[in-house]
Amino acid sequence: MSDRQPLSSYRAPRYWPVWIGVGALRLVCSLPHRAALAVGRTLGRLAHALGGSRRAVARRNIELCFPDLSADERDALAYRHFEALGMALIEMGVGRWGRVERLQSLSTLVGLQNLRDALATGRGVILLSAHFTTLEIMGRALAEEIPPFDAVFRRNRSEFLTELQRTGREVSADSTIEKRDIKKMVRALRSGRAVWYAPDQSYDRKGAEVVPFFGVPSMHTTATSTLARLGDALVVMFFPRRLEDSTYEMTLLPALENFPSDDAGADARRYVEALEEHVRKCPEQYLWIHRKFKNLPDGHPDYYADLDALK
């Protein structure tokens, strides 16, 4: 029995500010795309000005991953990242409410046949991606081109915000699976379905290994190998990005060969290497406000212990 509540049940006054924001977002998304993104950039600049703690985390992550950049270059990249976050809000709305024709006119899917070939085998497919700001809008574009798939989500502390996220993602995905529900993911894969999965954020030490990200120790889950093995699934990596002309490109790579291997850590490194390559193409569009280098074993530094100077 589902424990979900319909969005219409969240009518108490404490939810009204969010509903007002949702209504404003829908209005903005009705603007021409470039104009809507301009509003998003403005919101991102405001968040950069006001979000001292998040700004500091982004600056620290960028400092760690791009040590060759000057301080001014790192700050400029962090500023562009917040602009990208603001545009991501608009893109999330377009992914939720946009007409199919609008999505198709804005999107190019490179390597789509790689995914279709994997699906044609009849086996389940792990759609392996990462937390880029354009992921939601490109998930909707992908959904228009392939059979229904499931999407993994992370529960928010607020059930209302969780339901907003899930219902938005379910415009693209046939159903959503909580990230800890491995059994449900495996069942979906064994039935020959595709499952959208982004395992790049920091994980607790259980079921994870230290894998360098841009040369910095980071906890990465080894669950992708487990899912592929238990679900007898192929793995197709895909990465989205926003182009200079405000259109979008998603690259779908060929299904990984010899995956999973006998070394789950090596499997995770293959994924991280591909992720790093894409981050370099659009560094401002990766989710730098997440504390990616936390939860490390004893003996590793606390990379977020001294953030005040970066606020």
Protein backbone atom coordinates (compact mmCIF):
# COMPACT_ATOMS: atom_id res chain seq x y z
CA MET A 1 0.00 0.00 0.00
CA SER A 2 1.44 3.38 -0.99
CA ASP A 3 2.18 5.94 1.72
CA ARG A 4 2.08 8.78 -0.78
CA GLN A 5 -0.31 11.69 -0.50
CA PRO A 6 -1.63 13.57 -3.56
CA LEU A 7 -0.31 17.08 -4.01
CA SER A 8 -3.85 18.39 -3.51
CA SER A 9 -3.67 17.27 0.12
CA TYR A 10 -0.94 19.82 0.92
CA ARG A 11 -3.29 22.75 1.47
CA ALA A 12 -2.27 24.00 4.91
CA PRO A 13 -1.05 27.61 5.13
CA ARG A 14 2.53 26.49 5.74
CA TYR A 15 2.60 25.15 2.16
CA TRP A 16 1.28 28.33 0.56
CA PRO A 17 4.69 29.97 -0.05
CA VAL A 18 5.81 26.89 -2.00
CA TRP A 19 2.57 26.85 -4.00
CA ILE A 20 3.05 30.54 -4.83
CA GLY A 21 6.56 29.72 -6.02
CA VAL A 22 5.27 26.84 -8.14
CA GLY A 23 2.67 29.13 -9.70
CA ALA A 24 5.30 31.78 -10.46
CA LEU A 25 7.58 29.16 -11.96
CA ARG A 26 4.84 27.94 -14.26
CA LEU A 27 4.23 31.48 -15.48
CA VAL A 28 7.93 32.02 -16.16
CA CYS A 29 8.13 28.71 -18.05
CA SER A 30 5.45 29.99 -20.44
CA LEU A 31 7.87 32.68 -21.67
CA PRO A 32 10.09 32.13 -24.71
CA HIS A 33 12.91 29.85 -23.65
CA ARG A 34 15.74 32.40 -23.70
CA ALA A 35 13.65 34.86 -21.69
CA ALA A 36 12.76 32.17 -19.15
CA LEU A 37 16.42 31.23 -18.76
CA ALA A 38 17.30 34.89 -18.26
CA VAL A 39 14.92 34.93 -15.28
CA GLY A 40 16.63 31.78 -14.03
CA ARG A 41 20.08 33.36 -14.29
CA THR A 42 18.84 36.32 -12.25
CA LEU A 43 17.50 33.99 -9.57
CA GLY A 44 20.85 32.21 -9.54
CA ARG A 45 22.73 35.48 -9.07
CA LEU A 46 20.45 36.32 -6.16
CA ALA A 47 21.12 32.90 -4.62
CA HIS A 48 24.85 33.48 -5.06
CA ALA A 49 24.60 36.78 -3.22
CA LEU A 50 22.52 35.41 -0.35
CA GLY A 51 23.65 31.79 -0.05
CA GLY A 52 26.89 32.17 1.88
CA SER A 53 27.11 28.57 3.10
CA ARG A 54 26.26 26.99 -0.24
CA ARG A 55 28.52 29.45 -2.03
CA ALA A 56 31.38 28.43 0.25
CA VAL A 57 30.81 24.71 -0.43
CA ALA A 58 30.79 25.31 -4.18
CA ARG A 59 33.98 27.38 -3.96
CA ARG A 60 35.72 24.69 -1.89
CA ASN A 61 34.71 21.90 -4.30
CA ILE A 62 35.92 23.92 -7.28
CA GLU A 63 39.15 24.78 -5.45
CA LEU A 64 39.80 21.09 -4.83
CA CYS A 65 38.93 19.91 -8.33
CA PHE A 66 40.51 22.74 -10.34
CA PRO A 67 43.64 23.76 -8.42
CA ASP A 68 45.24 25.17 -11.57
CA LEU A 69 42.65 27.93 -11.79
CA SER A 70 43.40 31.26 -10.17
CA ALA A 71 41.26 32.45 -7.26
CA ASP A 72 39.42 34.87 -9.56
CA GLU A 73 38.77 32.09 -12.10
CA ARG A 74 37.42 29.80 -9.40
CA ASP A 75 35.11 32.51 -8.09
CA ALA A 76 33.89 33.20 -11.63
CA LEU A 77 33.16 29.50 -12.13
CA ALA A 78 31.22 29.39 -8.85
CA TYR A 79 29.22 32.43 -9.99
CA ARG A 80 28.37 30.74 -13.31
CA HIS A 81 27.40 27.64 -11.38
CA PHE A 82 24.80 29.58 -9.41
CA GLU A 83 23.48 30.99 -12.67
CA ALA A 84 23.20 27.42 -13.89
CA LEU A 85 21.32 26.47 -10.71
CA GLY A 86 18.83 29.25 -11.34
CA MET A 87 18.36 28.07 -14.91
CA ALA A 88 17.95 24.51 -13.61
CA LEU A 89 14.84 25.62 -11.75
CA ILE A 90 13.38 26.91 -15.01
CA GLU A 91 14.46 23.77 -16.85
CA MET A 92 12.81 21.62 -14.21
CA GLY A 93 9.58 23.49 -14.85
CA VAL A 94 9.92 23.14 -18.63
CA GLY A 95 10.54 19.43 -18.14
CA ARG A 96 7.35 19.21 -16.09
CA TRP A 97 4.99 21.39 -18.11
CA GLY A 98 6.62 21.93 -21.51
CA ARG A 99 4.99 20.67 -24.68
CA VAL A 100 6.67 17.81 -26.49
CA GLU A 101 7.31 20.01 -29.51
CA ARG A 102 9.18 22.52 -27.37
CA LEU A 103 11.36 19.83 -25.81
CA GLN A 104 12.19 18.30 -29.18
CA SER A 105 13.07 21.65 -30.73
CA LEU A 106 15.54 22.35 -27.91
CA SER A 107 17.16 18.91 -27.61
CA THR A 108 19.67 16.79 -29.49
CA LEU A 109 20.29 13.19 -28.42
CA VAL A 110 23.69 11.97 -29.55
CA GLY A 111 24.17 8.20 -29.54
CA LEU A 112 20.50 7.36 -28.99
CA GLN A 113 20.98 4.18 -31.04
CA ASN A 114 23.40 2.95 -28.35
CA LEU A 115 20.54 2.90 -25.87
CA ARG A 116 18.06 1.45 -28.33
CA ASP A 117 20.47 -1.37 -29.11
CA ALA A 118 20.81 -2.15 -25.41
CA LEU A 119 17.04 -2.12 -24.90
CA ALA A 120 16.57 -4.38 -27.93
CA THR A 121 18.42 -7.19 -26.15
CA GLY A 122 15.48 -7.59 -23.79
CA ARG A 123 17.69 -7.16 -20.72
CA GLY A 124 17.27 -4.43 -18.17
CA VAL A 125 19.34 -1.28 -18.69
CA ILE A 126 20.83 0.98 -16.03
CA LEU A 127 20.68 4.54 -17.38
CA LEU A 128 23.75 5.76 -15.54
CA SER A 129 24.14 9.51 -15.19
CA ALA A 130 25.13 12.17 -12.64
CA HIS A 131 23.84 15.33 -11.01
CA PHE A 132 24.07 17.96 -13.71
CA THR A 133 21.76 20.97 -13.59
CA THR A 134 20.17 20.03 -16.93
CA LEU A 135 19.31 16.45 -15.96
CA GLU A 136 15.56 16.95 -15.42
CA ILE A 137 14.80 18.65 -18.73
CA MET A 138 16.89 16.15 -20.66
CA GLY A 139 15.23 13.27 -18.86
CA ARG A 140 11.95 14.47 -20.32
CA ALA A 141 13.49 14.72 -23.79
CA LEU A 142 14.81 11.16 -23.47
CA ALA A 143 11.43 9.88 -22.31
CA GLU A 144 9.89 10.92 -25.62
CA GLU A 145 12.27 8.65 -27.54
CA ILE A 146 12.38 5.35 -25.62
CA PRO A 147 10.00 2.95 -23.84
CA PRO A 148 8.87 3.86 -20.30
CA PHE A 149 11.60 3.73 -17.68
CA ASP A 150 11.87 4.08 -13.90
CA ALA A 151 13.81 6.81 -12.09
CA VAL A 152 15.61 6.72 -8.76
CA PHE A 153 14.97 9.63 -6.40
CA ARG A 154 16.25 10.80 -3.04
CA ARG A 155 13.69 11.53 -0.33
CA ASN A 156 13.62 15.10 1.01
CA ARG A 157 13.08 15.91 4.68
CA SER A 158 9.81 17.53 3.61
CA GLU A 159 7.22 15.07 2.32
CA PHE A 160 5.66 17.90 0.30
CA LEU A 161 8.91 18.72 -1.48
CA THR A 162 9.53 15.00 -1.99
CA GLU A 163 6.16 14.64 -3.67
CA LEU A 164 6.78 17.71 -5.83
CA GLN A 165 10.07 16.17 -6.96
CA ARG A 166 8.57 12.73 -7.58
CA THR A 167 5.55 13.95 -9.52
CA GLY A 168 7.78 16.16 -11.63
CA ARG A 169 10.12 13.29 -12.39
CA GLU A 170 7.17 11.01 -13.15
CA VAL A 171 6.30 13.21 -16.12
CA SER A 172 9.41 11.63 -17.65
CA ALA A 173 9.61 8.34 -15.80
CA ASP A 174 6.94 5.68 -15.59
CA SER A 175 7.55 5.34 -11.84
CA THR A 176 10.03 6.44 -9.19
CA ILE A 177 12.12 4.30 -6.85
CA GLU A 178 13.64 5.53 -3.58
CA LYS A 179 17.42 5.26 -3.78
CA ARG A 180 17.68 2.78 -0.89
CA ASP A 181 15.14 0.38 -2.41
CA ILE A 182 17.64 -1.89 -4.14
CA LYS A 183 15.16 -4.77 -4.31
CA LYS A 184 12.69 -2.72 -6.34
CA MET A 185 15.45 -1.59 -8.71
CA VAL A 186 16.57 -5.18 -9.22
CA ARG A 187 12.99 -6.33 -9.90
CA ALA A 188 12.56 -3.60 -12.50
CA LEU A 189 15.83 -4.54 -14.22
CA ARG A 190 15.04 -8.26 -14.22
CA SER A 191 11.74 -7.48 -15.92
CA GLY A 192 13.66 -5.86 -18.77
CA ARG A 193 13.00 -2.25 -17.81
CA ALA A 194 15.40 0.69 -17.85
CA VAL A 195 16.24 2.43 -14.56
CA TRP A 196 17.61 5.99 -14.44
CA TYR A 197 20.32 6.11 -11.75
CA ALA A 198 22.75 8.86 -10.70
CA PRO A 199 25.17 7.52 -8.03
CA ASP A 200 27.73 10.35 -7.99
CA GLN A 201 26.86 12.06 -4.72
CA SER A 202 28.69 11.34 -1.47
CA TYR A 203 27.68 8.12 0.28
CA ASP A 204 28.17 6.73 3.76
CA ARG A 205 31.01 4.27 4.09
CA LYS A 206 28.79 1.17 3.92
CA GLY A 207 28.70 -0.13 0.35
CA ALA A 208 31.12 2.53 -0.85
CA GLU A 209 34.83 2.90 -1.55
CA VAL A 210 37.23 5.80 -1.71
CA VAL A 211 37.58 6.70 -5.39
CA PRO A 212 39.41 9.89 -6.38
CA PHE A 213 37.31 12.53 -8.12
CA PHE A 214 39.59 14.97 -9.93
CA GLY A 215 42.35 13.51 -7.79
CA VAL A 216 40.58 14.17 -4.48
CA PRO A 217 39.47 11.25 -2.25
CA SER A 218 35.69 10.82 -2.42
CA MET A 219 33.25 8.17 -1.26
CA HIS A 220 31.58 6.47 -4.22
CA THR A 221 28.98 3.76 -4.01
CA THR A 222 29.71 0.39 -5.57
CA ALA A 223 25.98 -0.31 -5.91
CA THR A 224 26.04 0.08 -9.70
CA SER A 225 28.03 -3.15 -10.00
CA THR A 226 25.65 -4.89 -7.59
CA LEU A 227 22.59 -3.70 -9.51
CA ALA A 228 24.03 -4.78 -12.84
CA ARG A 229 24.91 -8.22 -11.48
CA LEU A 230 21.68 -8.91 -9.59
CA GLY A 231 19.51 -7.39 -12.30
CA ASP A 232 21.41 -9.01 -15.19
CA ALA A 233 21.47 -5.51 -16.68
CA LEU A 234 23.44 -3.62 -19.24
CA VAL A 235 24.82 -0.20 -18.30
CA VAL A 236 24.50 2.81 -20.62
CA MET A 237 26.03 6.06 -19.40
CA PHE A 238 24.43 9.33 -20.49
CA PHE A 239 25.40 12.92 -19.77
CA PRO A 240 23.48 16.14 -20.56
CA ARG A 241 24.64 19.71 -21.05
CA ARG A 242 23.29 23.12 -22.00
CA LEU A 243 24.93 24.64 -25.06
CA GLU A 244 25.81 28.28 -25.66
CA ASP A 245 22.68 28.82 -27.77
CA SER A 246 20.42 27.69 -24.89
CA THR A 247 19.66 24.34 -26.49
CA TYR A 248 20.58 20.98 -24.99
CA GLU A 249 22.64 17.98 -25.94
CA MET A 250 22.58 14.56 -24.34
CA THR A 251 25.34 12.08 -25.12
CA LEU A 252 24.51 8.38 -24.72
CA LEU A 253 27.56 6.12 -24.72
CA PRO A 254 27.71 2.48 -25.87
CA ALA A 255 26.78 -0.10 -23.24
CA LEU A 256 29.77 -0.83 -21.02
CA GLU A 257 31.64 -3.98 -21.89
CA ASN A 258 32.81 -6.42 -19.21
CA PHE A 259 30.59 -4.74 -16.63
CA PRO A 260 30.33 -5.58 -13.85
CA SER A 261 33.82 -6.90 -13.36
CA ASP A 262 35.20 -8.79 -10.37
CA ASP A 263 36.40 -5.46 -8.92
CA ALA A 264 33.57 -3.14 -7.87
CA GLY A 265 36.05 -0.38 -7.08
CA ALA A 266 37.47 -0.55 -10.60
CA ASP A 267 33.91 -0.40 -11.97
CA ALA A 268 33.29 2.77 -9.95
CA ARG A 269 36.50 4.29 -11.28
CA ARG A 270 35.36 3.68 -14.88
CA TYR A 271 32.23 5.65 -14.16
CA VAL A 272 34.09 8.45 -12.37
CA GLU A 273 36.58 8.82 -15.23
CA ALA A 274 33.73 9.23 -17.73
CA LEU A 275 32.03 11.68 -15.38
CA GLU A 276 35.19 13.78 -15.04
CA GLU A 277 35.51 13.95 -18.82
CA HIS A 278 32.01 15.37 -19.14
CA VAL A 279 32.40 17.79 -16.23
CA ARG A 280 35.35 19.35 -18.05
CA LYS A 281 33.05 20.13 -21.00
CA CYS A 282 30.57 22.09 -18.86
CA PRO A 283 32.07 22.59 -15.39
CA GLU A 284 29.52 25.20 -14.33
CA GLN A 285 26.70 22.71 -14.84
CA TYR A 286 27.83 20.08 -12.34
CA LEU A 287 26.26 20.20 -8.85
CA TRP A 288 29.06 21.82 -6.85
CA ILE A 289 26.89 22.90 -3.89
CA HIS A 290 26.78 19.28 -2.68
CA ARG A 291 29.45 18.27 -0.13
CA LYS A 292 30.93 15.63 -2.36
CA PHE A 293 34.05 15.01 -0.28
CA LYS A 294 32.42 14.24 3.07
CA ASN A 295 32.02 10.93 4.96
CA LEU A 296 35.64 9.93 4.32
CA PRO A 297 37.31 7.32 6.56
CA ASP A 298 39.54 8.33 9.46
CA GLY A 299 42.89 9.63 8.31
CA HIS A 300 41.47 11.78 5.52
CA PRO A 301 41.10 15.54 5.98
CA ASP A 302 37.80 17.29 6.62
CA TYR A 303 37.59 19.38 3.47
CA TYR A 304 34.68 21.44 4.80
CA ALA A 305 36.07 22.37 8.23
CA ASP A 306 37.14 25.93 7.34
CA LEU A 307 34.56 27.41 4.99
CA ASP A 308 34.07 30.82 6.61
CA ALA A 309 36.74 32.49 4.48
CA LEU A 310 34.98 31.31 1.33
CA LYS A 311 31.53 32.71 2.16
